[in-house]
C-alpha atoms as a PDB file:
ATOM      1  CA  MET A   1      74.957 123.774  90.545  1.00  0.00           C
ATOM      2  CA  LYS A   2      77.604 123.538  87.005  1.00  0.00           C
ATOM      3  CA  VAL A   3      80.241 121.226  86.955  1.00  0.00           C
ATOM      4  CA  ILE A   4      82.774 119.769  84.306  1.00  0.00           C
ATOM      5  CA  LEU A   5      83.271 116.201  83.950  1.00  0.00           C
ATOM      6  CA  ALA A   6      86.995 116.288  83.327  1.00  0.00           C
ATOM      7  CA  SER A   7      86.870 113.548  81.486  1.00  0.00           C
ATOM      8  CA  ARG A   8      85.773 111.460  78.135  1.00  0.00           C
ATOM      9  CA  SER A   9      84.583 108.387  79.674  1.00  0.00           C
ATOM     10  CA  PRO A  10      80.676 107.533  78.761  1.00  0.00           C
ATOM     11  CA  GLU A  11      80.188 105.954  81.606  1.00  0.00           C
ATOM     12  CA  ARG A  12      81.351 108.633  84.240  1.00  0.00           C
ATOM     13  CA  ALA A  13      79.003 110.769  82.239  1.00  0.00           C
ATOM     14  CA  ARG A  14      75.805 108.175  83.140  1.00  0.00           C
ATOM     15  CA  ILE A  15      77.231 108.374  86.702  1.00  0.00           C
ATOM     16  CA  LEU A  16      76.527 112.357  86.696  1.00  0.00           C
ATOM     17  CA  GLU A  17      73.720 112.578  85.062  1.00  0.00           C
ATOM     18  CA  ASP A  18      72.226 109.351  86.932  1.00  0.00           C
ATOM     19  CA  LEU A  19      73.310 111.564  90.284  1.00  0.00           C
ATOM     20  CA  GLY A  20      70.930 114.193  88.234  1.00  0.00           C
ATOM     21  CA  PHE A  21      74.232 116.812  88.335  1.00  0.00           C
ATOM     22  CA  ASN A  22      74.223 119.482  85.625  1.00  0.00           C
ATOM     23  CA  PHE A  23      77.811 119.262  84.018  1.00  0.00           C
ATOM     24  CA  ASP A  24      79.476 119.665  80.852  1.00  0.00           C
ATOM     25  CA  VAL A  25      81.864 117.355  79.623  1.00  0.00           C
ATOM     26  CA  ILE A  26      86.090 118.430  78.654  1.00  0.00           C
ATOM     27  CA  SER A  27      88.166 116.249  78.538  1.00  0.00           C
ATOM     28  CA  ALA A  28      92.000 116.377  79.841  1.00  0.00           C
ATOM     29  CA  ASP A  29      94.501 115.741  77.889  1.00  0.00           C
ATOM     30  CA  ILE A  30      97.973 115.174  80.474  1.00  0.00           C
ATOM     31  CA  ASP A  31     100.282 112.819  80.089  1.00  0.00           C
ATOM     32  CA  GLU A  32      99.657 109.579  82.269  1.00  0.00           C
ATOM     33  CA  SER A  33     103.116 107.886  82.463  1.00  0.00           C
ATOM     34  CA  PRO A  34     103.570 106.829  85.941  1.00  0.00           C
ATOM     35  CA  LEU A  35     106.430 108.473  87.726  1.00  0.00           C
ATOM     36  CA  THR A  36     109.658 105.950  89.230  1.00  0.00           C
ATOM     37  CA  GLY A  37     108.459 104.363  92.271  1.00  0.00           C
ATOM     38  CA  GLU A  38     104.790 105.165  92.060  1.00  0.00           C
ATOM     39  CA  SER A  39     102.571 102.993  93.479  1.00  0.00           C
ATOM     40  CA  VAL A  40      98.726 102.178  91.239  1.00  0.00           C
ATOM     41  CA  GLN A  41      97.195 104.233  94.231  1.00  0.00           C
ATOM     42  CA  GLU A  42      99.127 106.983  94.073  1.00  0.00           C
ATOM     43  CA  ILE A  43      99.228 107.234  90.249  1.00  0.00           C
ATOM     44  CA  VAL A  44      95.311 106.954  90.207  1.00  0.00           C
ATOM     45  CA  LEU A  45      95.287 109.866  92.814  1.00  0.00           C
ATOM     46  CA  ARG A  46      98.044 112.291  90.836  1.00  0.00           C
ATOM     47  CA  LEU A  47      96.320 111.653  87.644  1.00  0.00           C
ATOM     48  CA  ALA A  48      92.875 112.441  88.578  1.00  0.00           C
ATOM     49  CA  LEU A  49      94.231 115.109  90.336  1.00  0.00           C
ATOM     50  CA  CYS A  50      96.182 116.426  87.536  1.00  0.00           C
ATOM     51  CA  LYS A  51      93.200 116.198  85.562  1.00  0.00           C
ATOM     52  CA  ALA A  52      90.819 118.215  87.523  1.00  0.00           C
ATOM     53  CA  GLN A  53      93.143 120.874  88.277  1.00  0.00           C
ATOM     54  CA  HIS A  54      93.869 121.104  84.467  1.00  0.00           C
ATOM     55  CA  ILE A  55      90.732 122.117  83.577  1.00  0.00           C
ATOM     56  CA  HIS A  56      90.060 123.470  86.611  1.00  0.00           C
ATOM     57  CA  THR A  57      92.613 126.421  85.839  1.00  0.00           C
ATOM     58  CA  LEU A  58      91.899 126.706  82.672  1.00  0.00           C
ATOM     59  CA  HIS A  59      87.539 126.864  83.462  1.00  0.00           C
ATOM     60  CA  GLN A  60      87.830 128.149  87.124  1.00  0.00           C
ATOM     61  CA  ALA A  61      84.992 125.627  87.717  1.00  0.00           C
ATOM     62  CA  SER A  62      84.315 123.012  89.250  1.00  0.00           C
ATOM     63  CA  VAL A  63      85.360 120.371  88.470  1.00  0.00           C
ATOM     64  CA  ILE A  64      85.097 116.656  88.708  1.00  0.00           C
ATOM     65  CA  ALA A  65      87.711 113.913  87.407  1.00  0.00           C
ATOM     66  CA  ALA A  66      88.231 109.992  87.810  1.00  0.00           C
ATOM     67  CA  ASP A  67      91.223 107.534  86.432  1.00  0.00           C
ATOM     68  CA  THR A  68      91.443 103.837  87.253  1.00  0.00           C
ATOM     69  CA  LEU A  69      93.322 101.365  86.795  1.00  0.00           C
ATOM     70  CA  ILE A  70      93.974  98.034  87.137  1.00  0.00           C
ATOM     71  CA  GLU A  71      96.914  96.480  89.531  1.00  0.00           C
ATOM     72  CA  LEU A  72      97.902  93.290  89.062  1.00  0.00           C
ATOM     73  CA  GLU A  73     101.699  91.919  90.513  1.00  0.00           C
ATOM     74  CA  GLY A  74     102.009  95.740  91.731  1.00  0.00           C
ATOM     75  CA  GLU A  75     102.167  96.610  88.015  1.00  0.00           C
ATOM     76  CA  ALA A  76      99.708  98.742  86.296  1.00  0.00           C
ATOM     77  CA  LEU A  77      97.240  98.186  83.459  1.00  0.00           C
ATOM     78  CA  GLY A  78      95.247 100.330  81.491  1.00  0.00           C
ATOM     79  CA  GLN A  79      93.722 100.279  78.841  1.00  0.00           C
ATOM     80  CA  PRO A  80      95.105  97.350  76.403  1.00  0.00           C
ATOM     81  CA  LYS A  81      96.127  98.900  73.286  1.00  0.00           C
ATOM     82  CA  ASP A  82      94.972  96.451  70.657  1.00  0.00           C
ATOM     83  CA  LEU A  83      93.736  92.741  71.090  1.00  0.00           C
ATOM     84  CA  SER A  84      96.659  90.936  71.477  1.00  0.00           C
ATOM     85  CA  GLU A  85      97.293  92.666  74.771  1.00  0.00           C
ATOM     86  CA  ALA A  86      93.268  92.685  75.946  1.00  0.00           C
ATOM     87  CA  LYS A  87      93.752  88.351  76.040  1.00  0.00           C
ATOM     88  CA  GLN A  88      96.859  89.067  77.251  1.00  0.00           C
ATOM     89  CA  MET A  89      95.889  90.716  80.311  1.00  0.00           C
ATOM     90  CA  LEU A  90      92.824  88.310  81.009  1.00  0.00           C
ATOM     91  CA  GLU A  91      95.269  85.677  80.256  1.00  0.00           C
ATOM     92  CA  ARG A  92      97.309  86.829  83.259  1.00  0.00           C
ATOM     93  CA  TYR A  93      94.026  87.215  86.089  1.00  0.00           C
ATOM     94  CA  LYS A  94      93.806  83.322  85.426  1.00  0.00           C
ATOM     95  CA  SER A  95      96.368  82.508  87.887  1.00  0.00           C
ATOM     96  CA  ASN A  96      96.954  86.258  89.450  1.00  0.00           C
ATOM     97  CA  PHE A  97      94.299  88.587  91.732  1.00  0.00           C
ATOM     98  CA  PRO A  98      93.790  92.669  90.057  1.00  0.00           C
ATOM     99  CA  ARG A  99      92.029  94.708  91.772  1.00  0.00           C
ATOM    100  CA  VAL A 100      90.960  98.259  90.296  1.00  0.00           C
ATOM    101  CA  TRP A 101      91.945 101.388  91.746  1.00  0.00           C
ATOM    102  CA  THR A 102      89.907 104.555  91.450  1.00  0.00           C
ATOM    103  CA  SER A 103      90.488 108.289  92.521  1.00  0.00           C
ATOM    104  CA  THR A 104      87.761 110.760  92.803  1.00  0.00           C
ATOM    105  CA  VAL A 105      88.898 114.067  92.679  1.00  0.00           C
ATOM    106  CA  TRP A 106      85.794 117.900  92.529  1.00  0.00           C
ATOM    107  CA  ILE A 107      87.954 120.817  93.386  1.00  0.00           C
ATOM    108  CA  SER A 108      85.082 123.549  93.725  1.00  0.00           C
ATOM    109  CA  LYS A 109      84.860 126.564  91.605  1.00  0.00           C
ATOM    110  CA  LYS A 110      87.053 128.347  94.786  1.00  0.00           C
ATOM    111  CA  GLY A 111      90.076 125.738  94.319  1.00  0.00           C
ATOM    112  CA  GLU A 112      89.566 123.741  97.156  1.00  0.00           C
ATOM    113  CA  VAL A 113      90.534 119.839  96.109  1.00  0.00           C
ATOM    114  CA  HIS A 114      88.663 116.901  97.571  1.00  0.00           C
ATOM    115  CA  SER A 115      89.605 113.519  97.013  1.00  0.00           C
ATOM    116  CA  ASN A 116      89.093 110.104  97.472  1.00  0.00           C
ATOM    117  CA  VAL A 117      90.306 106.642  96.870  1.00  0.00           C
ATOM    118  CA  GLU A 118      89.256 103.329  97.125  1.00  0.00           C
ATOM    119  CA  LYS A 119      89.848  99.509  95.882  1.00  0.00           C
ATOM    120  CA  ALA A 120      88.022  96.275  94.927  1.00  0.00           C
ATOM    121  CA  ASP A 121      89.566  93.118  93.772  1.00  0.00           C
ATOM    122  CA  ILE A 122      88.440  90.903  90.909  1.00  0.00           C
ATOM    123  CA  ILE A 123      88.456  87.713  89.459  1.00  0.00           C
ATOM    124  CA  LEU A 124      87.876  86.120  86.333  1.00  0.00           C
ATOM    125  CA  ASN A 125      84.093  84.742  85.575  1.00  0.00           C
ATOM    126  CA  GLU A 126      83.188  81.555  84.583  1.00  0.00           C
ATOM    127  CA  LEU A 127      82.325  82.288  81.368  1.00  0.00           C
ATOM    128  CA  ASN A 128      81.427  79.712  78.289  1.00  0.00           C
ATOM    129  CA  GLU A 129      82.972  79.281  75.151  1.00  0.00           C
ATOM    130  CA  THR A 130      79.827  81.544  72.898  1.00  0.00           C
ATOM    131  CA  GLU A 131      80.225  84.063  75.815  1.00  0.00           C
ATOM    132  CA  TRP A 132      83.781  84.420  75.476  1.00  0.00           C
ATOM    133  CA  SER A 133      82.822  84.929  71.816  1.00  0.00           C
ATOM    134  CA  GLN A 134      80.244  87.573  72.357  1.00  0.00           C
ATOM    135  CA  PHE A 135      83.124  89.261  74.591  1.00  0.00           C
ATOM    136  CA  TRP A 136      85.606  89.207  71.422  1.00  0.00           C
ATOM    137  CA  ASP A 137      82.986  90.073  68.270  1.00  0.00           C
ATOM    138  CA  LYS A 138      81.120  92.932  70.110  1.00  0.00           C
ATOM    139  CA  GLU A 139      85.019  94.349  71.448  1.00  0.00           C
ATOM    140  CA  LEU A 140      83.896  95.348  75.060  1.00  0.00           C
ATOM    141  CA  TRP A 141      87.624  95.090  75.830  1.00  0.00           C
ATOM    142  CA  LYS A 142      88.107  98.301  73.888  1.00  0.00           C
ATOM    143  CA  LYS A 143      88.500 101.551  75.419  1.00  0.00           C
ATOM    144  CA  ARG A 144      88.163 100.139  78.660  1.00  0.00           C
ATOM    145  CA  ALA A 145      91.114  99.893  81.860  1.00  0.00           C
ATOM    146  CA  GLY A 146      92.124  96.354  82.107  1.00  0.00           C
ATOM    147  CA  ALA A 147      90.521  94.893  79.053  1.00  0.00           C
ATOM    148  CA  PHE A 148      86.670  94.813  80.419  1.00  0.00           C
ATOM    149  CA  SER A 149      84.037  96.533  82.316  1.00  0.00           C
ATOM    150  CA  ILE A 150      81.531  95.417  84.535  1.00  0.00           C
ATOM    151  CA  PHE A 151      78.763  96.409  82.623  1.00  0.00           C
ATOM    152  CA  ASP A 152      79.807  94.285  80.250  1.00  0.00           C
ATOM    153  CA  LYS A 153      77.143  91.623  79.161  1.00  0.00           C
ATOM    154  CA  PRO A 154      78.672  89.366  78.999  1.00  0.00           C
ATOM    155  CA  CYS A 155      81.782  90.582  81.873  1.00  0.00           C
ATOM    156  CA  PRO A 156      84.646  88.487  82.293  1.00  0.00           C
ATOM    157  CA  LEU A 157      85.519  89.867  85.699  1.00  0.00           C
ATOM    158  CA  LYS A 158      83.175  89.883  88.981  1.00  0.00           C
ATOM    159  CA  ILE A 159      83.942  91.678  92.143  1.00  0.00           C
ATOM    160  CA  SER A 160      85.520  89.530  94.990  1.00  0.00           C
ATOM    161  CA  GLN A 161      85.645  92.138  97.567  1.00  0.00           C
ATOM    162  CA  GLY A 162      84.893  95.978  97.343  1.00  0.00           C
ATOM    163  CA  ASN A 163      82.368  98.493  96.708  1.00  0.00           C
ATOM    164  CA  LEU A 164      81.027  98.551  93.031  1.00  0.00           C
ATOM    165  CA  GLU A 165      81.353 102.456  92.966  1.00  0.00           C
ATOM    166  CA  VAL A 166      85.028 101.443  92.442  1.00  0.00           C
ATOM    167  CA  VAL A 167      84.268  98.945  89.556  1.00  0.00           C
ATOM    168  CA  ARG A 168      82.447 101.840  87.967  1.00  0.00           C
ATOM    169  CA  GLY A 169      85.355 104.066  87.444  1.00  0.00           C
ATOM    170  CA  ILE A 170      83.635 106.980  89.747  1.00  0.00           C
ATOM    171  CA  ASN A 171      82.605 107.009  93.386  1.00  0.00           C
ATOM    172  CA  SER A 172      79.030 108.342  93.190  1.00  0.00           C
ATOM    173  CA  LYS A 173      78.439 107.281  96.737  1.00  0.00           C
ATOM    174  CA  TRP A 174      81.365 109.637  97.875  1.00  0.00           C
ATOM    175  CA  LEU A 175      79.925 112.134  95.413  1.00  0.00           C
ATOM    176  CA  LYS A 176      76.572 112.221  96.956  1.00  0.00           C
ATOM    177  CA  GLU A 177      78.462 113.169  99.909  1.00  0.00           C
ATOM    178  CA  GLN A 178      80.925 115.891  98.160  1.00  0.00           C
ATOM    179  CA  SER A 179      77.628 117.544  96.645  1.00  0.00           C
ATOM    180  CA  LYS A 180      76.060 118.225 100.307  1.00  0.00           C
ATOM    181  CA  ARG A 181      79.118 119.802 102.018  1.00  0.00           C
ATOM    182  CA  ILE A 182      80.556 121.787  98.803  1.00  0.00           C
END
């Protein structure tokens, strides 16, 4: 079965490739602003659902979408706008405990909606000065929710509790299960 991945993320595409999906990538440009009073969990679900619905409406195809945000003290942290914001995010992680939220949505060709939302807690990794320099020099914070990717080498954060799938930005275990049903 062919699907559309509604994401520009190369990591999400790699995960679908690893799962053996036949897919095209068509990104959904939607307003990702949070709504008043919306929790981070609600934001990721709404955004993944909106992306999938947008692409499904345009192409009448099976669509997979995902959204990931970092929650810190109840605030949603997306991708940093610049180096200064990335450094501020990572500095805040020293005294707080960030949580990663990921929602994965699959809309079948018939329009049936299937969704999953999960969380994982992360903590700051102890990097030495050289590793921090490498992280900043390689600009690994760019285009990353919360200024990091679990795949980065060096990675400034590690999972303290929860599922790696959540931190990867799309729930591959859930997708694998759903592919047997859809």
